[in-house]
Amino acid sequence: MWTEGQRLRAEGRMEGRRENQAEVVIRLLTLRGLRVDKQSRQRILECRSMATLNLWFERAMRAKSLSDVLEA
């Protein structure tokens, strides 16, 4: 059983990982020459799902357009 402090630290670490992954997705898209508009940037940064961010990262590796990454 975790103490409240341990739980808060774990949540903080997860939030940091999520924020980092969102920034990595945006950076990868930019480095690949894909324009990330303000609305899409906000969507990526506000995403709370690591699974979704990881999927977007994988898609960004080979995407030809932003819609290749963010659309199902």
PDB file of N, CA and C in Angstrom:
ATOM      1  N   MET A   1       0.832  -1.172   0.000  1.00  0.00           N
ATOM      2  CA  MET A   1       0.000   0.000   0.000  1.00  0.00           C
ATOM      3  C   MET A   1       0.887   1.249   0.000  1.00  0.00           C
ATOM      4  N   TRP A   2       0.577   2.169  -0.859  1.00  0.00           N
ATOM      5  CA  TRP A   2       1.371   3.390  -0.968  1.00  0.00           C
ATOM      6  C   TRP A   2       0.872   4.450  -0.004  1.00  0.00           C
ATOM      7  N   THR A   3       1.820   5.230   0.481  1.00  0.00           N
ATOM      8  CA  THR A   3       1.422   6.392   1.271  1.00  0.00           C
ATOM      9  C   THR A   3       0.943   7.473   0.305  1.00  0.00           C
ATOM     10  N   GLU A   4       0.300   8.474   0.832  1.00  0.00           N
ATOM     11  CA  GLU A   4      -0.184   9.585  -0.001  1.00  0.00           C
ATOM     12  C   GLU A   4       0.973  10.265  -0.723  1.00  0.00           C
ATOM     13  N   GLY A   5       2.074  10.452  -0.028  1.00  0.00           N
ATOM     14  CA  GLY A   5       3.251  11.074  -0.643  1.00  0.00           C
ATOM     15  C   GLY A   5       3.810  10.244  -1.792  1.00  0.00           C
ATOM     16  N   GLN A   6       3.877   8.933  -1.598  1.00  0.00           N
ATOM     17  CA  GLN A   6       4.364   8.053  -2.666  1.00  0.00           C
ATOM     18  C   GLN A   6       3.435   8.094  -3.875  1.00  0.00           C
ATOM     19  N   ARG A   7       2.136   8.100  -3.614  1.00  0.00           N
ATOM     20  CA  ARG A   7       1.159   8.143  -4.704  1.00  0.00           C
ATOM     21  C   ARG A   7       1.292   9.441  -5.497  1.00  0.00           C
ATOM     22  N   LEU A   8       1.448  10.558  -4.791  1.00  0.00           N
ATOM     23  CA  LEU A   8       1.580  11.850  -5.462  1.00  0.00           C
ATOM     24  C   LEU A   8       2.869  11.924  -6.281  1.00  0.00           C
ATOM     25  N   ARG A   9       3.958  11.380  -5.745  1.00  0.00           N
ATOM     26  CA  ARG A   9       5.221  11.370  -6.490  1.00  0.00           C
ATOM     27  C   ARG A   9       5.100  10.517  -7.748  1.00  0.00           C
ATOM     28  N   ALA A  10       4.451   9.365  -7.626  1.00  0.00           N
ATOM     29  CA  ALA A  10       4.260   8.483  -8.787  1.00  0.00           C
ATOM     30  C   ALA A  10       3.397   9.172  -9.846  1.00  0.00           C
ATOM     31  N   GLU A  11       2.354   9.848  -9.417  1.00  0.00           N
ATOM     32  CA  GLU A  11       1.511  10.583 -10.362  1.00  0.00           C
ATOM     33  C   GLU A  11       2.296  11.697 -11.036  1.00  0.00           C
ATOM     34  N   GLY A  12       3.149  12.372 -10.270  1.00  0.00           N
ATOM     35  CA  GLY A  12       3.980  13.440 -10.824  1.00  0.00           C
ATOM     36  C   GLY A  12       4.964  12.907 -11.858  1.00  0.00           C
ATOM     37  N   ARG A  13       5.556  11.756 -11.565  1.00  0.00           N
ATOM     38  CA  ARG A  13       6.487  11.147 -12.531  1.00  0.00           C
ATOM     39  C   ARG A  13       5.761  10.764 -13.814  1.00  0.00           C
ATOM     40  N   MET A  14       4.561  10.191 -13.683  1.00  0.00           N
ATOM     41  CA  MET A  14       3.790   9.800 -14.862  1.00  0.00           C
ATOM     42  C   MET A  14       3.394  11.026 -15.682  1.00  0.00           C
ATOM     43  N   GLU A  15       3.004  12.080 -15.020  1.00  0.00           N
ATOM     44  CA  GLU A  15       2.651  13.317 -15.727  1.00  0.00           C
ATOM     45  C   GLU A  15       3.869  13.868 -16.467  1.00  0.00           C
ATOM     46  N   GLY A  16       5.030  13.806 -15.829  1.00  0.00           N
ATOM     47  CA  GLY A  16       6.252  14.249 -16.493  1.00  0.00           C
ATOM     48  C   GLY A  16       6.573  13.416 -17.719  1.00  0.00           C
ATOM     49  N   ARG A  17       6.382  12.116 -17.633  1.00  0.00           N
ATOM     50  CA  ARG A  17       6.613  11.233 -18.787  1.00  0.00           C
ATOM     51  C   ARG A  17       5.647  11.562 -19.921  1.00  0.00           C
ATOM     52  N   ARG A  18       4.392  11.800 -19.552  1.00  0.00           N
ATOM     53  CA  ARG A  18       3.381  12.119 -20.545  1.00  0.00           C
ATOM     54  C   ARG A  18       3.713  13.435 -21.255  1.00  0.00           C
ATOM     55  N   GLU A  19       4.081  14.439 -20.478  1.00  0.00           N
ATOM     56  CA  GLU A  19       4.449  15.727 -21.065  1.00  0.00           C
ATOM     57  C   GLU A  19       5.654  15.578 -21.986  1.00  0.00           C
ATOM     58  N   ASN A  20       6.641  14.811 -21.553  1.00  0.00           N
ATOM     59  CA  ASN A  20       7.832  14.581 -22.368  1.00  0.00           C
ATOM     60  C   ASN A  20       7.471  13.887 -23.677  1.00  0.00           C
ATOM     61  N   GLN A  21       6.635  12.862 -23.613  1.00  0.00           N
ATOM     62  CA  GLN A  21       6.261  12.124 -24.820  1.00  0.00           C
ATOM     63  C   GLN A  21       5.506  13.028 -25.785  1.00  0.00           C
ATOM     64  N   ALA A  22       4.632  13.892 -25.270  1.00  0.00           N
ATOM     65  CA  ALA A  22       3.906  14.828 -26.131  1.00  0.00           C
ATOM     66  C   ALA A  22       4.887  15.763 -26.840  1.00  0.00           C
ATOM     67  N   GLU A  23       5.870  16.260 -26.120  1.00  0.00           N
ATOM     68  CA  GLU A  23       6.876  17.144 -26.713  1.00  0.00           C
ATOM     69  C   GLU A  23       7.716  16.405 -27.750  1.00  0.00           C
ATOM     70  N   VAL A  24       8.025  15.140 -27.497  1.00  0.00           N
ATOM     71  CA  VAL A  24       8.788  14.334 -28.448  1.00  0.00           C
ATOM     72  C   VAL A  24       8.002  14.145 -29.745  1.00  0.00           C
ATOM     73  N   VAL A  25       6.711  13.885 -29.637  1.00  0.00           N
ATOM     74  CA  VAL A  25       5.870  13.727 -30.836  1.00  0.00           C
ATOM     75  C   VAL A  25       5.906  15.012 -31.661  1.00  0.00           C
ATOM     76  N   ILE A  26       5.725  16.143 -31.010  1.00  0.00           N
ATOM     77  CA  ILE A  26       5.740  17.428 -31.726  1.00  0.00           C
ATOM     78  C   ILE A  26       7.108  17.676 -32.352  1.00  0.00           C
ATOM     79  N   ARG A  27       8.152  17.408 -31.617  1.00  0.00           N
ATOM     80  CA  ARG A  27       9.512  17.630 -32.149  1.00  0.00           C
ATOM     81  C   ARG A  27       9.785  16.727 -33.350  1.00  0.00           C
ATOM     82  N   LEU A  28       9.393  15.466 -33.256  1.00  0.00           N
ATOM     83  CA  LEU A  28       9.595  14.535 -34.359  1.00  0.00           C
ATOM     84  C   LEU A  28       8.848  15.001 -35.607  1.00  0.00           C
ATOM     85  N   LEU A  29       7.609  15.410 -35.429  1.00  0.00           N
ATOM     86  CA  LEU A  29       6.830  15.902 -36.567  1.00  0.00           C
ATOM     87  C   LEU A  29       7.518  17.111 -37.204  1.00  0.00           C
ATOM     88  N   THR A  30       7.980  18.015 -36.371  1.00  0.00           N
ATOM     89  CA  THR A  30       8.657  19.219 -36.872  1.00  0.00           C
ATOM     90  C   THR A  30       9.951  18.865 -37.589  1.00  0.00           C
ATOM     91  N   LEU A  31      10.737  17.974 -37.012  1.00  0.00           N
ATOM     92  CA  LEU A  31      11.998  17.557 -37.644  1.00  0.00           C
ATOM     93  C   LEU A  31      11.763  16.859 -38.979  1.00  0.00           C
ATOM     94  N   ARG A  32      10.633  16.201 -39.097  1.00  0.00           N
ATOM     95  CA  ARG A  32      10.297  15.517 -40.348  1.00  0.00           C
ATOM     96  C   ARG A  32       9.695  16.481 -41.374  1.00  0.00           C
ATOM     97  N   GLY A  33       9.600  17.757 -41.005  1.00  0.00           N
ATOM     98  CA  GLY A  33       9.121  18.767 -41.935  1.00  0.00           C
ATOM     99  C   GLY A  33       7.611  18.897 -42.011  1.00  0.00           C
ATOM    100  N   LEU A  34       6.912  18.320 -41.019  1.00  0.00           N
ATOM    101  CA  LEU A  34       5.459  18.418 -40.997  1.00  0.00           C
ATOM    102  C   LEU A  34       5.051  19.592 -40.109  1.00  0.00           C
ATOM    103  N   ARG A  35       4.224  20.462 -40.647  1.00  0.00           N
ATOM    104  CA  ARG A  35       3.761  21.631 -39.903  1.00  0.00           C
ATOM    105  C   ARG A  35       2.725  21.199 -38.872  1.00  0.00           C
ATOM    106  N   VAL A  36       2.954  21.595 -37.620  1.00  0.00           N
ATOM    107  CA  VAL A  36       2.020  21.288 -36.537  1.00  0.00           C
ATOM    108  C   VAL A  36       1.292  22.587 -36.196  1.00  0.00           C
ATOM    109  N   ASP A  37       0.034  22.676 -36.616  1.00  0.00           N
ATOM    110  CA  ASP A  37      -0.741  23.887 -36.356  1.00  0.00           C
ATOM    111  C   ASP A  37      -1.068  24.005 -34.867  1.00  0.00           C
ATOM    112  N   LYS A  38      -1.531  25.178 -34.478  1.00  0.00           N
ATOM    113  CA  LYS A  38      -1.786  25.467 -33.066  1.00  0.00           C
ATOM    114  C   LYS A  38      -2.801  24.499 -32.455  1.00  0.00           C
ATOM    115  N   GLN A  39      -3.866  24.206 -33.177  1.00  0.00           N
ATOM    116  CA  GLN A  39      -4.911  23.307 -32.664  1.00  0.00           C
ATOM    117  C   GLN A  39      -4.364  21.889 -32.450  1.00  0.00           C
ATOM    118  N   SER A  40      -3.575  21.390 -33.406  1.00  0.00           N
ATOM    119  CA  SER A  40      -2.997  20.050 -33.282  1.00  0.00           C
ATOM    120  C   SER A  40      -1.971  20.000 -32.160  1.00  0.00           C
ATOM    121  N   ARG A  41      -1.168  21.044 -32.048  1.00  0.00           N
ATOM    122  CA  ARG A  41      -0.173  21.125 -30.965  1.00  0.00           C
ATOM    123  C   ARG A  41      -0.883  21.045 -29.616  1.00  0.00           C
ATOM    124  N   GLN A  42      -1.968  21.795 -29.471  1.00  0.00           N
ATOM    125  CA  GLN A  42      -2.733  21.790 -28.227  1.00  0.00           C
ATOM    126  C   GLN A  42      -3.307  20.399 -27.946  1.00  0.00           C
ATOM    127  N   ARG A  43      -3.820  19.755 -28.991  1.00  0.00           N
ATOM    128  CA  ARG A  43      -4.382  18.415 -28.841  1.00  0.00           C
ATOM    129  C   ARG A  43      -3.330  17.423 -28.342  1.00  0.00           C
ATOM    130  N   ILE A  44      -2.148  17.499 -28.915  1.00  0.00           N
ATOM    131  CA  ILE A  44      -1.062  16.599 -28.512  1.00  0.00           C
ATOM    132  C   ILE A  44      -0.646  16.884 -27.073  1.00  0.00           C
ATOM    133  N   LEU A  45      -0.453  18.146 -26.744  1.00  0.00           N
ATOM    134  CA  LEU A  45      -0.001  18.505 -25.404  1.00  0.00           C
ATOM    135  C   LEU A  45      -1.036  18.192 -24.323  1.00  0.00           C
ATOM    136  N   GLU A  46      -2.311  18.207 -24.680  1.00  0.00           N
ATOM    137  CA  GLU A  46      -3.366  17.939 -23.696  1.00  0.00           C
ATOM    138  C   GLU A  46      -3.744  16.460 -23.597  1.00  0.00           C
ATOM    139  N   CYS A  47      -3.178  15.632 -24.458  1.00  0.00           N
ATOM    140  CA  CYS A  47      -3.494  14.209 -24.434  1.00  0.00           C
ATOM    141  C   CYS A  47      -3.038  13.604 -23.109  1.00  0.00           C
ATOM    142  N   ARG A  48      -3.916  12.856 -22.461  1.00  0.00           N
ATOM    143  CA  ARG A  48      -3.618  12.247 -21.168  1.00  0.00           C
ATOM    144  C   ARG A  48      -3.290  10.761 -21.267  1.00  0.00           C
ATOM    145  N   SER A  49      -3.350  10.202 -22.463  1.00  0.00           N
ATOM    146  CA  SER A  49      -3.152   8.768 -22.642  1.00  0.00           C
ATOM    147  C   SER A  49      -1.754   8.479 -23.191  1.00  0.00           C
ATOM    148  N   MET A  50      -0.950   7.773 -22.404  1.00  0.00           N
ATOM    149  CA  MET A  50       0.370   7.373 -22.890  1.00  0.00           C
ATOM    150  C   MET A  50       0.241   6.436 -24.082  1.00  0.00           C
ATOM    151  N   ALA A  51      -0.778   5.592 -24.084  1.00  0.00           N
ATOM    152  CA  ALA A  51      -0.978   4.676 -25.212  1.00  0.00           C
ATOM    153  C   ALA A  51      -1.201   5.468 -26.490  1.00  0.00           C
ATOM    154  N   THR A  52      -1.993   6.515 -26.433  1.00  0.00           N
ATOM    155  CA  THR A  52      -2.251   7.346 -27.608  1.00  0.00           C
ATOM    156  C   THR A  52      -0.994   8.090 -28.028  1.00  0.00           C
ATOM    157  N   LEU A  53      -0.283   8.656 -27.072  1.00  0.00           N
ATOM    158  CA  LEU A  53       0.955   9.368 -27.396  1.00  0.00           C
ATOM    159  C   LEU A  53       1.977   8.422 -28.021  1.00  0.00           C
ATOM    160  N   ASN A  54       2.077   7.202 -27.524  1.00  0.00           N
ATOM    161  CA  ASN A  54       3.003   6.226 -28.103  1.00  0.00           C
ATOM    162  C   ASN A  54       2.582   5.853 -29.522  1.00  0.00           C
ATOM    163  N   LEU A  55       1.281   5.706 -29.742  1.00  0.00           N
ATOM    164  CA  LEU A  55       0.777   5.422 -31.088  1.00  0.00           C
ATOM    165  C   LEU A  55       1.107   6.575 -32.026  1.00  0.00           C
ATOM    166  N   TRP A  56       0.880   7.813 -31.588  1.00  0.00           N
ATOM    167  CA  TRP A  56       1.195   8.966 -32.419  1.00  0.00           C
ATOM    168  C   TRP A  56       2.683   9.044 -32.718  1.00  0.00           C
ATOM    169  N   PHE A  57       3.520   8.691 -31.748  1.00  0.00           N
ATOM    170  CA  PHE A  57       4.963   8.677 -31.974  1.00  0.00           C
ATOM    171  C   PHE A  57       5.317   7.686 -33.083  1.00  0.00           C
ATOM    172  N   GLU A  58       4.769   6.484 -32.989  1.00  0.00           N
ATOM    173  CA  GLU A  58       5.046   5.467 -34.010  1.00  0.00           C
ATOM    174  C   GLU A  58       4.563   5.912 -35.384  1.00  0.00           C
ATOM    175  N   ARG A  59       3.387   6.500 -35.439  1.00  0.00           N
ATOM    176  CA  ARG A  59       2.865   6.998 -36.712  1.00  0.00           C
ATOM    177  C   ARG A  59       3.722   8.141 -37.250  1.00  0.00           C
ATOM    178  N   ALA A  60       4.206   9.003 -36.352  1.00  0.00           N
ATOM    179  CA  ALA A  60       5.015  10.154 -36.761  1.00  0.00           C
ATOM    180  C   ALA A  60       6.321   9.724 -37.416  1.00  0.00           C
ATOM    181  N   MET A  61       6.802   8.534 -37.071  1.00  0.00           N
ATOM    182  CA  MET A  61       8.053   8.038 -37.647  1.00  0.00           C
ATOM    183  C   MET A  61       7.962   7.872 -39.161  1.00  0.00           C
ATOM    184  N   ARG A  62       6.758   7.605 -39.672  1.00  0.00           N
ATOM    185  CA  ARG A  62       6.634   7.349 -41.107  1.00  0.00           C
ATOM    186  C   ARG A  62       5.538   8.175 -41.799  1.00  0.00           C
ATOM    187  N   ALA A  63       4.958   9.118 -41.073  1.00  0.00           N
ATOM    188  CA  ALA A  63       3.850   9.904 -41.612  1.00  0.00           C
ATOM    189  C   ALA A  63       4.294  10.831 -42.739  1.00  0.00           C
ATOM    190  N   LYS A  64       3.394  11.020 -43.668  1.00  0.00           N
ATOM    191  CA  LYS A  64       3.614  11.970 -44.760  1.00  0.00           C
ATOM    192  C   LYS A  64       2.829  13.257 -44.516  1.00  0.00           C
ATOM    193  N   SER A  65       1.887  13.199 -43.573  1.00  0.00           N
ATOM    194  CA  SER A  65       1.097  14.376 -43.210  1.00  0.00           C
ATOM    195  C   SER A  65       0.693  14.275 -41.744  1.00  0.00           C
ATOM    196  N   LEU A  66       0.290  15.384 -41.183  1.00  0.00           N
ATOM    197  CA  LEU A  66      -0.151  15.416 -39.800  1.00  0.00           C
ATOM    198  C   LEU A  66      -1.390  14.532 -39.602  1.00  0.00           C
ATOM    199  N   SER A  67      -2.259  14.514 -40.587  1.00  0.00           N
ATOM    200  CA  SER A  67      -3.469  13.678 -40.468  1.00  0.00           C
ATOM    201  C   SER A  67      -3.116  12.195 -40.414  1.00  0.00           C
ATOM    202  N   ASP A  68      -1.991  11.788 -41.003  1.00  0.00           N
ATOM    203  CA  ASP A  68      -1.540  10.398 -40.890  1.00  0.00           C
ATOM    204  C   ASP A  68      -1.268  10.012 -39.443  1.00  0.00           C
ATOM    205  N   VAL A  69      -0.942  11.004 -38.631  1.00  0.00           N
ATOM    206  CA  VAL A  69      -0.604  10.759 -37.232  1.00  0.00           C
ATOM    207  C   VAL A  69      -1.832  10.847 -36.335  1.00  0.00           C
ATOM    208  N   LEU A  70      -2.619  11.880 -36.492  1.00  0.00           N
ATOM    209  CA  LEU A  70      -3.685  12.163 -35.535  1.00  0.00           C
ATOM    210  C   LEU A  70      -5.029  11.546 -35.875  1.00  0.00           C
ATOM    211  N   GLU A  71      -5.225  11.123 -37.107  1.00  0.00           N
ATOM    212  CA  GLU A  71      -6.499  10.540 -37.492  1.00  0.00           C
ATOM    213  C   GLU A  71      -6.445   9.027 -37.397  1.00  0.00           C
ATOM    214  N   ALA A  72      -7.574   8.442 -37.080  1.00  0.00           N
ATOM    215  CA  ALA A  72      -7.639   6.970 -36.919  1.00  0.00           C
ATOM    216  C   ALA A  72      -7.464   6.250 -38.239  1.00  0.00           C
TER     217      ALA A  72
END
